[in-house]
């Protein structure tokens, strides 16, 4: 089949024809989109304009703001706040900005008023959107910044948070910490050396601890509405932990030859698992039956003659980036990044 050149990408002629016949919900190859998974609001950044919509069916934004700099991209939407990155602003090559839906700037960084260490380009919004967090390694500058005691060995893991209200810095450090995610500036999920996880609240301390069986765990996703934290163990299995008690609710063992690289908790209780290999690199796990289906995801696109869209996303996605589950008046749908923008694909 003779290829057609579309910009920098070479695609088959049939794919180019399908692209021309399909209208993206949010057009623009450089358009970035994030979904607030608690309230369903959607932040769309196209060019230098950031718009917030009440949902995917809304045609008019509830807010709109201009974004400075070059090549901006919206990254996260948690609680009332949005995180975006832009470039070449005030002599800074890269700047990250947390801003509220009503256009109030919460924090921009790099920020000499806080430190040169935290927050940084690897920092994220806390899950409730009330601050930012990062996971650091303990060295002399980190120890000095947070006032951590000498009893914590150098090289230990440090979970750091910054609360917008009151501009409060907080850090917890331990030689057994290897990773973490902040539910709020005072509430952390932490993964541990040799496997396992724990929930740590300040100032109360450890809420629960789940021992592992060797090998480090990674936090893949957290669903406060479901009361579940999804973690990936060293063998590539996805484990559902009770968010309040730390108990194992379910376990999705990896398919032969395919270890989980990422996982996403879905609204109906199922789990989307990305393996990144094989003919069906994305599967859906149903905790109610204990079954993992490789066809449950891809068949949705095939039935709607959108396999070309799925193929593009699989080629260009980083794990489960560029994919959101959204609610529509007729049910749930996938909002997925394609060549010409973001497309809405109804789920069966």
C-alpha atoms as a PDB file:
ATOM      1  CA  UNK A   1       0.000   0.000   0.000  1.00  0.00           C
ATOM      2  CA  UNK A   2       1.395   3.378  -0.994  1.00  0.00           C
ATOM      3  CA  UNK A   3       2.014   5.599   2.040  1.00  0.00           C
ATOM      4  CA  UNK A   4       0.754   9.157   2.470  1.00  0.00           C
ATOM      5  CA  UNK A   5       2.977  11.685   4.236  1.00  0.00           C
ATOM      6  CA  UNK A   6       1.205  13.619   7.010  1.00  0.00           C
ATOM      7  CA  UNK A   7       3.731  16.019   8.567  1.00  0.00           C
ATOM      8  CA  UNK A   8       6.527  13.952  10.074  1.00  0.00           C
ATOM      9  CA  UNK A   9       4.511  10.740  10.233  1.00  0.00           C
ATOM     10  CA  UNK A  10       4.081   8.285   7.368  1.00  0.00           C
ATOM     11  CA  UNK A  11       0.771   6.403   7.505  1.00  0.00           C
ATOM     12  CA  UNK A  12      -1.080   4.127   5.066  1.00  0.00           C
ATOM     13  CA  UNK A  13      -3.552   5.801   2.681  1.00  0.00           C
ATOM     14  CA  UNK A  14      -6.509   4.026   4.326  1.00  0.00           C
ATOM     15  CA  UNK A  15      -5.511   5.475   7.686  1.00  0.00           C
ATOM     16  CA  UNK A  16      -5.227   8.957   6.213  1.00  0.00           C
ATOM     17  CA  UNK A  17      -8.730   8.618   4.736  1.00  0.00           C
ATOM     18  CA  UNK A  18     -10.158   7.483   8.083  1.00  0.00           C
ATOM     19  CA  UNK A  19      -8.492  10.415   9.813  1.00  0.00           C
ATOM     20  CA  UNK A  20     -10.100  12.842   7.379  1.00  0.00           C
ATOM     21  CA  UNK A  21     -13.548  11.345   8.044  1.00  0.00           C
ATOM     22  CA  UNK A  22     -13.307  11.412  11.835  1.00  0.00           C
ATOM     23  CA  UNK A  23     -13.734  14.652  13.758  1.00  0.00           C
ATOM     24  CA  UNK A  24     -11.789  14.964  17.017  1.00  0.00           C
ATOM     25  CA  UNK A  25     -13.657  16.256  20.065  1.00  0.00           C
ATOM     26  CA  UNK A  26     -10.760  18.600  20.842  1.00  0.00           C
ATOM     27  CA  UNK A  27      -8.872  19.273  17.589  1.00  0.00           C
ATOM     28  CA  UNK A  28      -5.224  20.127  17.183  1.00  0.00           C
ATOM     29  CA  UNK A  29      -2.175  17.886  17.024  1.00  0.00           C
ATOM     30  CA  UNK A  30      -0.526  19.891  19.818  1.00  0.00           C
ATOM     31  CA  UNK A  31      -3.665  20.210  21.957  1.00  0.00           C
ATOM     32  CA  UNK A  32      -3.217  18.803  25.480  1.00  0.00           C
ATOM     33  CA  UNK A  33      -6.086  17.584  27.663  1.00  0.00           C
ATOM     34  CA  UNK A  34      -6.419  16.440  31.272  1.00  0.00           C
ATOM     35  CA  UNK A  35      -9.516  15.254  33.115  1.00  0.00           C
ATOM     36  CA  UNK A  36     -10.379  15.847  36.747  1.00  0.00           C
ATOM     37  CA  UNK A  37     -11.297  12.309  37.734  1.00  0.00           C
ATOM     38  CA  UNK A  38     -13.312  13.414  40.780  1.00  0.00           C
ATOM     39  CA  UNK A  39     -15.719  15.938  39.242  1.00  0.00           C
ATOM     40  CA  UNK A  40     -15.343  15.154  35.523  1.00  0.00           C
ATOM     41  CA  UNK A  41     -14.219  18.626  34.513  1.00  0.00           C
ATOM     42  CA  UNK A  42     -11.856  18.838  31.544  1.00  0.00           C
ATOM     43  CA  UNK A  43      -8.952  21.223  30.987  1.00  0.00           C
ATOM     44  CA  UNK A  44      -8.039  21.787  27.336  1.00  0.00           C
ATOM     45  CA  UNK A  45      -4.922  23.720  26.326  1.00  0.00           C
ATOM     46  CA  UNK A  46      -4.800  24.666  22.656  1.00  0.00           C
ATOM     47  CA  UNK A  47      -2.228  27.188  21.504  1.00  0.00           C
ATOM     48  CA  UNK A  48      -1.961  29.745  24.306  1.00  0.00           C
ATOM     49  CA  UNK A  49      -5.533  29.329  25.561  1.00  0.00           C
ATOM     50  CA  UNK A  50      -6.501  27.135  28.519  1.00  0.00           C
ATOM     51  CA  UNK A  51     -10.220  26.353  28.735  1.00  0.00           C
ATOM     52  CA  UNK A  52     -12.067  24.416  31.427  1.00  0.00           C
ATOM     53  CA  UNK A  53     -15.264  22.558  30.542  1.00  0.00           C
ATOM     54  CA  UNK A  54     -17.827  21.139  32.966  1.00  0.00           C
ATOM     55  CA  UNK A  55     -17.654  17.845  31.092  1.00  0.00           C
ATOM     56  CA  UNK A  56     -16.910  16.319  27.712  1.00  0.00           C
ATOM     57  CA  UNK A  57     -20.419  17.142  26.457  1.00  0.00           C
ATOM     58  CA  UNK A  58     -20.147  20.853  27.309  1.00  0.00           C
ATOM     59  CA  UNK A  59     -19.739  23.179  24.341  1.00  0.00           C
ATOM     60  CA  UNK A  60     -18.904  26.342  26.273  1.00  0.00           C
ATOM     61  CA  UNK A  61     -16.095  26.642  28.837  1.00  0.00           C
ATOM     62  CA  UNK A  62     -16.749  27.663  32.428  1.00  0.00           C
ATOM     63  CA  UNK A  63     -13.410  29.491  32.455  1.00  0.00           C
ATOM     64  CA  UNK A  64     -10.755  30.553  29.990  1.00  0.00           C
ATOM     65  CA  UNK A  65      -7.279  31.980  30.480  1.00  0.00           C
ATOM     66  CA  UNK A  66      -4.278  32.938  28.385  1.00  0.00           C
ATOM     67  CA  UNK A  67      -1.037  31.051  29.003  1.00  0.00           C
ATOM     68  CA  UNK A  68       2.340  32.816  28.653  1.00  0.00           C
ATOM     69  CA  UNK A  69       5.453  31.397  27.068  1.00  0.00           C
ATOM     70  CA  UNK A  70       6.021  28.917  24.278  1.00  0.00           C
ATOM     71  CA  UNK A  71       4.801  25.357  23.718  1.00  0.00           C
ATOM     72  CA  UNK A  72       2.625  25.121  26.864  1.00  0.00           C
ATOM     73  CA  UNK A  73       1.061  21.838  27.923  1.00  0.00           C
ATOM     74  CA  UNK A  74      -1.513  21.075  30.587  1.00  0.00           C
ATOM     75  CA  UNK A  75      -0.365  18.236  32.856  1.00  0.00           C
ATOM     76  CA  UNK A  76      -2.729  17.627  35.786  1.00  0.00           C
ATOM     77  CA  UNK A  77      -6.151  18.641  37.123  1.00  0.00           C
ATOM     78  CA  UNK A  78      -6.754  17.830  40.792  1.00  0.00           C
ATOM     79  CA  UNK A  79      -9.330  19.410  43.062  1.00  0.00           C
ATOM     80  CA  UNK A  80      -9.763  23.079  42.046  1.00  0.00           C
ATOM     81  CA  UNK A  81      -6.261  23.429  40.604  1.00  0.00           C
ATOM     82  CA  UNK A  82      -4.547  22.776  37.294  1.00  0.00           C
ATOM     83  CA  UNK A  83      -0.859  22.223  36.629  1.00  0.00           C
ATOM     84  CA  UNK A  84       0.695  23.294  33.338  1.00  0.00           C
ATOM     85  CA  UNK A  85       4.208  23.646  31.945  1.00  0.00           C
ATOM     86  CA  UNK A  86       5.430  26.341  29.585  1.00  0.00           C
ATOM     87  CA  UNK A  87       8.771  27.604  28.287  1.00  0.00           C
ATOM     88  CA  UNK A  88      10.814  30.774  27.811  1.00  0.00           C
ATOM     89  CA  UNK A  89       9.099  32.876  30.467  1.00  0.00           C
ATOM     90  CA  UNK A  90      11.044  35.519  32.415  1.00  0.00           C
ATOM     91  CA  UNK A  91      14.378  34.151  31.186  1.00  0.00           C
ATOM     92  CA  UNK A  92      13.478  30.672  32.462  1.00  0.00           C
ATOM     93  CA  UNK A  93      13.695  27.835  29.918  1.00  0.00           C
ATOM     94  CA  UNK A  94      10.931  25.879  31.706  1.00  0.00           C
ATOM     95  CA  UNK A  95       8.371  26.923  34.273  1.00  0.00           C
ATOM     96  CA  UNK A  96       5.566  24.982  35.952  1.00  0.00           C
ATOM     97  CA  UNK A  97       2.474  26.775  37.203  1.00  0.00           C
ATOM     98  CA  UNK A  98      -0.347  25.632  39.460  1.00  0.00           C
ATOM     99  CA  UNK A  99      -3.435  27.760  38.824  1.00  0.00           C
ATOM    100  CA  UNK A 100      -7.036  27.511  40.010  1.00  0.00           C
ATOM    101  CA  UNK A 101     -10.030  27.189  37.700  1.00  0.00           C
ATOM    102  CA  UNK A 102     -10.889  30.826  38.491  1.00  0.00           C
ATOM    103  CA  UNK A 103      -7.407  31.916  37.316  1.00  0.00           C
ATOM    104  CA  UNK A 104      -5.715  32.418  40.690  1.00  0.00           C
ATOM    105  CA  UNK A 105      -2.058  31.464  40.515  1.00  0.00           C
ATOM    106  CA  UNK A 106      -1.206  29.116  43.400  1.00  0.00           C
ATOM    107  CA  UNK A 107       2.478  28.600  42.749  1.00  0.00           C
ATOM    108  CA  UNK A 108       5.013  28.894  39.951  1.00  0.00           C
ATOM    109  CA  UNK A 109       8.395  27.204  40.009  1.00  0.00           C
ATOM    110  CA  UNK A 110      11.429  27.212  39.924  1.00  0.00           C
ATOM    111  CA  UNK A 111      10.831  29.425  42.938  1.00  0.00           C
ATOM    112  CA  UNK A 112      13.764  30.906  44.812  1.00  0.00           C
ATOM    113  CA  UNK A 113      11.415  31.911  47.631  1.00  0.00           C
ATOM    114  CA  UNK A 114      10.979  28.242  48.582  1.00  0.00           C
ATOM    115  CA  UNK A 115      14.151  26.506  47.424  1.00  0.00           C
ATOM    116  CA  UNK A 116      16.069  25.321  44.377  1.00  0.00           C
ATOM    117  CA  UNK A 117      15.412  21.722  45.411  1.00  0.00           C
ATOM    118  CA  UNK A 118      11.650  21.439  45.780  1.00  0.00           C
ATOM    119  CA  UNK A 119       9.343  21.774  43.962  1.00  0.00           C
ATOM    120  CA  UNK A 120      11.019  20.777  40.705  1.00  0.00           C
ATOM    121  CA  UNK A 121      10.140  19.521  37.221  1.00  0.00           C
ATOM    122  CA  UNK A 122       9.289  16.118  38.713  1.00  0.00           C
ATOM    123  CA  UNK A 123       6.782  17.498  41.241  1.00  0.00           C
ATOM    124  CA  UNK A 124       3.042  16.770  41.014  1.00  0.00           C
ATOM    125  CA  UNK A 125      -0.202  18.114  42.393  1.00  0.00           C
ATOM    126  CA  UNK A 126      -1.438  16.298  45.469  1.00  0.00           C
ATOM    127  CA  UNK A 127      -4.511  14.210  44.710  1.00  0.00           C
ATOM    128  CA  UNK A 128      -6.804  16.747  46.397  1.00  0.00           C
ATOM    129  CA  UNK A 129      -5.118  19.601  44.526  1.00  0.00           C
ATOM    130  CA  UNK A 130      -4.251  21.491  47.696  1.00  0.00           C
ATOM    131  CA  UNK A 131      -0.504  21.384  47.202  1.00  0.00           C
ATOM    132  CA  UNK A 132       2.404  19.765  45.375  1.00  0.00           C
ATOM    133  CA  UNK A 133       4.606  16.812  46.269  1.00  0.00           C
ATOM    134  CA  UNK A 134       7.765  15.052  45.180  1.00  0.00           C
ATOM    135  CA  UNK A 135       9.971  12.148  46.234  1.00  0.00           C
ATOM    136  CA  UNK A 136      13.606  13.058  46.942  1.00  0.00           C
ATOM    137  CA  UNK A 137      16.835  11.429  48.092  1.00  0.00           C
ATOM    138  CA  UNK A 138      18.333  12.657  51.341  1.00  0.00           C
ATOM    139  CA  UNK A 139      21.517  14.672  50.855  1.00  0.00           C
ATOM    140  CA  UNK A 140      22.883  17.649  52.824  1.00  0.00           C
ATOM    141  CA  UNK A 141      20.804  20.322  50.977  1.00  0.00           C
ATOM    142  CA  UNK A 142      17.583  18.292  51.418  1.00  0.00           C
ATOM    143  CA  UNK A 143      18.371  17.669  55.084  1.00  0.00           C
ATOM    144  CA  UNK A 144      18.969  21.386  55.642  1.00  0.00           C
ATOM    145  CA  UNK A 145      15.853  22.494  53.752  1.00  0.00           C
ATOM    146  CA  UNK A 146      13.480  20.310  55.764  1.00  0.00           C
ATOM    147  CA  UNK A 147      15.421  20.181  59.023  1.00  0.00           C
ATOM    148  CA  UNK A 148      15.584  16.382  58.988  1.00  0.00           C
ATOM    149  CA  UNK A 149      17.495  14.790  61.894  1.00  0.00           C
ATOM    150  CA  UNK A 150      20.920  13.174  61.559  1.00  0.00           C
ATOM    151  CA  UNK A 151      19.389   9.857  62.616  1.00  0.00           C
ATOM    152  CA  UNK A 152      17.972   9.446  59.084  1.00  0.00           C
ATOM    153  CA  UNK A 153      20.811   8.006  56.943  1.00  0.00           C
ATOM    154  CA  UNK A 154      22.037   9.772  53.792  1.00  0.00           C
ATOM    155  CA  UNK A 155      20.384   8.408  50.661  1.00  0.00           C
ATOM    156  CA  UNK A 156      17.101   7.713  52.425  1.00  0.00           C
ATOM    157  CA  UNK A 157      13.833   8.414  50.664  1.00  0.00           C
ATOM    158  CA  UNK A 158      12.147  11.719  51.466  1.00  0.00           C
ATOM    159  CA  UNK A 159       8.478  12.380  50.695  1.00  0.00           C
ATOM    160  CA  UNK A 160       8.059  16.166  50.483  1.00  0.00           C
ATOM    161  CA  UNK A 161       4.880  18.242  50.245  1.00  0.00           C
ATOM    162  CA  UNK A 162       4.026  21.929  49.970  1.00  0.00           C
ATOM    163  CA  UNK A 163       0.564  23.168  50.966  1.00  0.00           C
ATOM    164  CA  UNK A 164      -0.668  26.227  49.069  1.00  0.00           C
ATOM    165  CA  UNK A 165      -2.669  27.506  52.048  1.00  0.00           C
ATOM    166  CA  UNK A 166      -0.176  28.834  54.572  1.00  0.00           C
ATOM    167  CA  UNK A 167       2.776  27.960  52.300  1.00  0.00           C
ATOM    168  CA  UNK A 168       3.631  24.978  54.480  1.00  0.00           C
ATOM    169  CA  UNK A 169       6.541  22.643  53.728  1.00  0.00           C
ATOM    170  CA  UNK A 170       6.507  19.117  55.159  1.00  0.00           C
ATOM    171  CA  UNK A 171       8.826  16.118  54.749  1.00  0.00           C
ATOM    172  CA  UNK A 172       8.952  12.524  55.988  1.00  0.00           C
ATOM    173  CA  UNK A 173      12.180  10.560  55.588  1.00  0.00           C
ATOM    174  CA  UNK A 174      13.199   6.932  56.055  1.00  0.00           C
ATOM    175  CA  UNK A 175      15.762   4.526  54.639  1.00  0.00           C
ATOM    176  CA  UNK A 176      12.894   2.136  53.781  1.00  0.00           C
ATOM    177  CA  UNK A 177      10.976   4.639  51.591  1.00  0.00           C
ATOM    178  CA  UNK A 178      11.434   4.074  47.832  1.00  0.00           C
ATOM    179  CA  UNK A 179       8.512   5.993  46.318  1.00  0.00           C
ATOM    180  CA  UNK A 180       5.329   7.803  47.134  1.00  0.00           C
ATOM    181  CA  UNK A 181       2.142   9.620  46.176  1.00  0.00           C
ATOM    182  CA  UNK A 182       0.388  12.356  48.158  1.00  0.00           C
ATOM    183  CA  UNK A 183      -3.361  12.117  48.679  1.00  0.00           C
ATOM    184  CA  UNK A 184      -3.100  15.503  50.381  1.00  0.00           C
ATOM    185  CA  UNK A 185      -0.187  17.554  51.756  1.00  0.00           C
ATOM    186  CA  UNK A 186      -0.610  15.692  55.071  1.00  0.00           C
ATOM    187  CA  UNK A 187      -1.443  12.208  53.767  1.00  0.00           C
ATOM    188  CA  UNK A 188       1.028  10.025  51.855  1.00  0.00           C
ATOM    189  CA  UNK A 189       1.059   6.561  50.299  1.00  0.00           C
ATOM    190  CA  UNK A 190       4.623   5.229  50.381  1.00  0.00           C
ATOM    191  CA  UNK A 191       6.234   2.170  48.825  1.00  0.00           C
ATOM    192  CA  UNK A 192       8.922   0.367  50.800  1.00  0.00           C
ATOM    193  CA  UNK A 193      12.271  -1.306  50.289  1.00  0.00           C
ATOM    194  CA  UNK A 194      11.907  -5.058  49.643  1.00  0.00           C
ATOM    195  CA  UNK A 195       8.235  -4.602  48.744  1.00  0.00           C
ATOM    196  CA  UNK A 196       5.096  -3.421  50.456  1.00  0.00           C
ATOM    197  CA  UNK A 197       3.406  -0.100  51.062  1.00  0.00           C
ATOM    198  CA  UNK A 198       2.188   2.089  53.880  1.00  0.00           C
ATOM    199  CA  UNK A 199      -0.066   5.073  54.478  1.00  0.00           C
ATOM    200  CA  UNK A 200       1.372   7.853  56.587  1.00  0.00           C
ATOM    201  CA  UNK A 201      -0.638  10.795  57.895  1.00  0.00           C
ATOM    202  CA  UNK A 202       0.813  13.845  59.625  1.00  0.00           C
ATOM    203  CA  UNK A 203       0.920  14.295  62.540  1.00  0.00           C
ATOM    204  CA  UNK A 204      -0.771  10.984  63.481  1.00  0.00           C
ATOM    205  CA  UNK A 205       1.833   8.740  61.821  1.00  0.00           C
ATOM    206  CA  UNK A 206       1.394   5.300  60.236  1.00  0.00           C
ATOM    207  CA  UNK A 207      -2.245   4.481  59.428  1.00  0.00           C
ATOM    208  CA  UNK A 208      -1.435   1.012  58.011  1.00  0.00           C
ATOM    209  CA  UNK A 209       1.399  -1.012  56.551  1.00  0.00           C
ATOM    210  CA  UNK A 210       1.160  -3.854  54.031  1.00  0.00           C
ATOM    211  CA  UNK A 211       4.206  -6.117  53.881  1.00  0.00           C
ATOM    212  CA  UNK A 212       5.556  -7.203  50.500  1.00  0.00           C
ATOM    213  CA  UNK A 213       7.132 -10.462  49.407  1.00  0.00           C
ATOM    214  CA  UNK A 214      10.367  -9.059  47.959  1.00  0.00           C
ATOM    215  CA  UNK A 215      11.058  -6.605  45.159  1.00  0.00           C
ATOM    216  CA  UNK A 216       9.931  -3.007  45.022  1.00  0.00           C
ATOM    217  CA  UNK A 217       6.323  -1.963  44.448  1.00  0.00           C
ATOM    218  CA  UNK A 218       5.159   1.048  42.419  1.00  0.00           C
ATOM    219  CA  UNK A 219       1.972   3.014  42.953  1.00  0.00           C
ATOM    220  CA  UNK A 220       0.065   2.903  39.654  1.00  0.00           C
ATOM    221  CA  UNK A 221      -3.172   4.689  40.556  1.00  0.00           C
ATOM    222  CA  UNK A 222      -5.348   5.751  43.464  1.00  0.00           C
ATOM    223  CA  UNK A 223      -9.130   5.963  43.421  1.00  0.00           C
ATOM    224  CA  UNK A 224     -10.509   7.665  46.528  1.00  0.00           C
ATOM    225  CA  UNK A 225     -14.080   7.084  45.303  1.00  0.00           C
ATOM    226  CA  UNK A 226     -13.401   3.346  44.966  1.00  0.00           C
ATOM    227  CA  UNK A 227     -11.333   3.274  48.150  1.00  0.00           C
ATOM    228  CA  UNK A 228      -8.536   1.503  46.271  1.00  0.00           C
ATOM    229  CA  UNK A 229      -4.832   2.023  45.648  1.00  0.00           C
ATOM    230  CA  UNK A 230      -3.482   0.046  42.687  1.00  0.00           C
ATOM    231  CA  UNK A 231       0.178  -0.949  43.011  1.00  0.00           C
ATOM    232  CA  UNK A 232       2.430  -2.971  40.713  1.00  0.00           C
ATOM    233  CA  UNK A 233       4.723  -5.502  42.346  1.00  0.00           C
ATOM    234  CA  UNK A 234       8.147  -6.677  41.187  1.00  0.00           C
ATOM    235  CA  UNK A 235       6.620  -9.535  39.183  1.00  0.00           C
ATOM    236  CA  UNK A 236       4.370  -7.197  37.182  1.00  0.00           C
ATOM    237  CA  UNK A 237       1.144  -8.090  38.992  1.00  0.00           C
ATOM    238  CA  UNK A 238      -1.353  -5.346  39.860  1.00  0.00           C
ATOM    239  CA  UNK A 239      -2.564  -5.410  43.466  1.00  0.00           C
ATOM    240  CA  UNK A 240      -5.613  -3.564  44.763  1.00  0.00           C
ATOM    241  CA  UNK A 241      -5.090  -2.305  48.309  1.00  0.00           C
ATOM    242  CA  UNK A 242      -7.895  -1.051  50.533  1.00  0.00           C
ATOM    243  CA  UNK A 243      -7.156   2.638  50.899  1.00  0.00           C
ATOM    244  CA  UNK A 244      -8.372   2.805  54.493  1.00  0.00           C
ATOM    245  CA  UNK A 245      -7.010  -0.475  55.875  1.00  0.00           C
ATOM    246  CA  UNK A 246      -4.209  -1.530  53.527  1.00  0.00           C
ATOM    247  CA  UNK A 247      -5.713  -4.994  53.015  1.00  0.00           C
ATOM    248  CA  UNK A 248      -5.341  -6.746  49.643  1.00  0.00           C
ATOM    249  CA  UNK A 249      -8.715  -6.629  47.877  1.00  0.00           C
ATOM    250  CA  UNK A 250      -7.672  -8.293  44.612  1.00  0.00           C
ATOM    251  CA  UNK A 251      -4.654  -9.245  42.520  1.00  0.00           C
ATOM    252  CA  UNK A 252      -4.312  -9.265  38.730  1.00  0.00           C
ATOM    253  CA  UNK A 253      -1.457 -11.610  37.850  1.00  0.00           C
ATOM    254  CA  UNK A 254       0.438 -10.721  34.652  1.00  0.00           C
ATOM    255  CA  UNK A 255      -0.473 -12.478  31.435  1.00  0.00           C
ATOM    256  CA  UNK A 256       2.254 -14.791  30.041  1.00  0.00           C
ATOM    257  CA  UNK A 257       5.109 -12.680  28.725  1.00  0.00           C
ATOM    258  CA  UNK A 258       3.450  -9.395  29.674  1.00  0.00           C
ATOM    259  CA  UNK A 259       4.205  -7.629  32.928  1.00  0.00           C
ATOM    260  CA  UNK A 260       2.120  -4.604  33.911  1.00  0.00           C
ATOM    261  CA  UNK A 261       3.835  -1.275  33.310  1.00  0.00           C
ATOM    262  CA  UNK A 262       0.862   0.902  34.269  1.00  0.00           C
ATOM    263  CA  UNK A 263      -2.696   0.530  35.522  1.00  0.00           C
ATOM    264  CA  UNK A 264      -5.778   2.750  35.732  1.00  0.00           C
ATOM    265  CA  UNK A 265      -8.788   2.260  37.994  1.00  0.00           C
ATOM    266  CA  UNK A 266     -12.033   2.600  36.041  1.00  0.00           C
ATOM    267  CA  UNK A 267     -15.345   4.028  37.201  1.00  0.00           C
ATOM    268  CA  UNK A 268     -17.205   0.708  37.127  1.00  0.00           C
ATOM    269  CA  UNK A 269     -14.699  -1.098  39.342  1.00  0.00           C
ATOM    270  CA  UNK A 270     -12.625  -2.692  36.578  1.00  0.00           C
ATOM    271  CA  UNK A 271      -8.924  -1.989  35.999  1.00  0.00           C
ATOM    272  CA  UNK A 272      -7.183  -1.022  32.766  1.00  0.00           C
ATOM    273  CA  UNK A 273      -3.720  -2.611  32.613  1.00  0.00           C
ATOM    274  CA  UNK A 274      -0.969  -1.616  30.209  1.00  0.00           C
ATOM    275  CA  UNK A 275       1.665  -4.219  29.460  1.00  0.00           C
ATOM    276  CA  UNK A 276       3.345  -2.641  26.453  1.00  0.00           C
ATOM    277  CA  UNK A 277       3.939  -5.914  24.644  1.00  0.00           C
ATOM    278  CA  UNK A 278       2.244  -8.641  22.635  1.00  0.00           C
ATOM    279  CA  UNK A 279      -0.704  -8.407  20.250  1.00  0.00           C
ATOM    280  CA  UNK A 280      -2.956  -6.983  22.963  1.00  0.00           C
ATOM    281  CA  UNK A 281      -0.757  -4.771  25.138  1.00  0.00           C
ATOM    282  CA  UNK A 282      -3.755  -3.337  27.012  1.00  0.00           C
ATOM    283  CA  UNK A 283      -6.163  -5.487  28.990  1.00  0.00           C
ATOM    284  CA  UNK A 284      -9.114  -5.027  31.316  1.00  0.00           C
ATOM    285  CA  UNK A 285      -9.175  -6.830  34.660  1.00  0.00           C
ATOM    286  CA  UNK A 286     -12.484  -7.475  36.415  1.00  0.00           C
ATOM    287  CA  UNK A 287     -12.003  -7.964  40.187  1.00  0.00           C
ATOM    288  CA  UNK A 288     -15.507  -9.451  40.437  1.00  0.00           C
ATOM    289  CA  UNK A 289     -14.546 -12.426  38.230  1.00  0.00           C
ATOM    290  CA  UNK A 290     -10.755 -12.372  38.547  1.00  0.00           C
ATOM    291  CA  UNK A 291     -10.486 -12.414  34.742  1.00  0.00           C
ATOM    292  CA  UNK A 292      -8.110 -10.364  32.587  1.00  0.00           C
ATOM    293  CA  UNK A 293      -9.352  -9.758  29.040  1.00  0.00           C
ATOM    294  CA  UNK A 294      -7.044  -8.568  26.303  1.00  0.00           C
ATOM    295  CA  UNK A 295      -9.951  -8.069  23.884  1.00  0.00           C
ATOM    296  CA  UNK A 296     -12.189  -5.962  26.124  1.00  0.00           C
ATOM    297  CA  UNK A 297     -10.332  -2.763  25.288  1.00  0.00           C
ATOM    298  CA  UNK A 298      -9.270  -3.203  21.666  1.00  0.00           C
ATOM    299  CA  UNK A 299     -12.619  -4.605  20.505  1.00  0.00           C
ATOM    300  CA  UNK A 300     -14.309  -1.327  21.439  1.00  0.00           C
ATOM    301  CA  UNK A 301     -12.259   0.415  18.758  1.00  0.00           C
ATOM    302  CA  UNK A 302     -12.562  -2.405  16.227  1.00  0.00           C
ATOM    303  CA  UNK A 303     -16.380  -2.429  16.393  1.00  0.00           C
ATOM    304  CA  UNK A 304     -16.451   1.296  15.618  1.00  0.00           C
ATOM    305  CA  UNK A 305     -13.867   0.963  12.815  1.00  0.00           C
ATOM    306  CA  UNK A 306     -11.396   2.959  14.862  1.00  0.00           C
ATOM    307  CA  UNK A 307      -8.564   0.448  15.063  1.00  0.00           C
ATOM    308  CA  UNK A 308      -6.388   3.024  13.251  1.00  0.00           C
ATOM    309  CA  UNK A 309      -6.902   5.395  16.182  1.00  0.00           C
ATOM    310  CA  UNK A 310      -5.952   2.748  18.722  1.00  0.00           C
ATOM    311  CA  UNK A 311      -2.855   1.842  16.662  1.00  0.00           C
ATOM    312  CA  UNK A 312      -1.732   5.484  16.615  1.00  0.00           C
ATOM    313  CA  UNK A 313      -2.217   5.825  20.375  1.00  0.00           C
ATOM    314  CA  UNK A 314      -0.339   2.605  21.125  1.00  0.00           C
ATOM    315  CA  UNK A 315       2.579   3.748  18.987  1.00  0.00           C
ATOM    316  CA  UNK A 316       2.857   7.199  20.560  1.00  0.00           C
ATOM    317  CA  UNK A 317       1.596   6.802  24.121  1.00  0.00           C
ATOM    318  CA  UNK A 318       3.759   6.590  27.196  1.00  0.00           C
ATOM    319  CA  UNK A 319       2.081   3.853  29.220  1.00  0.00           C
ATOM    320  CA  UNK A 320      -1.502   5.136  29.718  1.00  0.00           C
ATOM    321  CA  UNK A 321      -0.854   8.774  28.888  1.00  0.00           C
ATOM    322  CA  UNK A 322      -3.140  10.287  26.277  1.00  0.00           C
ATOM    323  CA  UNK A 323      -6.138   8.276  27.471  1.00  0.00           C
ATOM    324  CA  UNK A 324      -8.966   9.252  29.824  1.00  0.00           C
ATOM    325  CA  UNK A 325     -12.236   7.638  30.833  1.00  0.00           C
ATOM    326  CA  UNK A 326     -15.037  10.215  30.749  1.00  0.00           C
ATOM    327  CA  UNK A 327     -18.782  10.293  31.419  1.00  0.00           C
ATOM    328  CA  UNK A 328     -21.268  11.221  28.703  1.00  0.00           C
ATOM    329  CA  UNK A 329     -25.105  11.363  28.760  1.00  0.00           C
ATOM    330  CA  UNK A 330     -25.177   7.943  27.073  1.00  0.00           C
ATOM    331  CA  UNK A 331     -22.532   6.281  29.247  1.00  0.00           C
ATOM    332  CA  UNK A 332     -18.772   6.140  29.631  1.00  0.00           C
ATOM    333  CA  UNK A 333     -16.366   6.796  26.787  1.00  0.00           C
ATOM    334  CA  UNK A 334     -12.659   6.918  26.059  1.00  0.00           C
ATOM    335  CA  UNK A 335     -11.082  10.292  25.351  1.00  0.00           C
ATOM    336  CA  UNK A 336      -7.977   9.322  23.415  1.00  0.00           C
ATOM    337  CA  UNK A 337      -5.141  11.257  21.773  1.00  0.00           C
ATOM    338  CA  UNK A 338      -4.827  10.809  18.027  1.00  0.00           C
ATOM    339  CA  UNK A 339      -2.964  12.455  15.166  1.00  0.00           C
ATOM    340  CA  UNK A 340      -5.345  15.401  14.743  1.00  0.00           C
ATOM    341  CA  UNK A 341      -6.417  15.901  18.351  1.00  0.00           C
ATOM    342  CA  UNK A 342      -8.487  14.118  20.996  1.00  0.00           C
ATOM    343  CA  UNK A 343     -11.250  11.723  19.975  1.00  0.00           C
ATOM    344  CA  UNK A 344     -14.302  10.524  21.891  1.00  0.00           C
ATOM    345  CA  UNK A 345     -14.925   6.770  21.620  1.00  0.00           C
ATOM    346  CA  UNK A 346     -18.090   5.432  23.339  1.00  0.00           C
ATOM    347  CA  UNK A 347     -17.681   2.295  25.440  1.00  0.00           C
ATOM    348  CA  UNK A 348     -20.142  -0.574  24.946  1.00  0.00           C
END
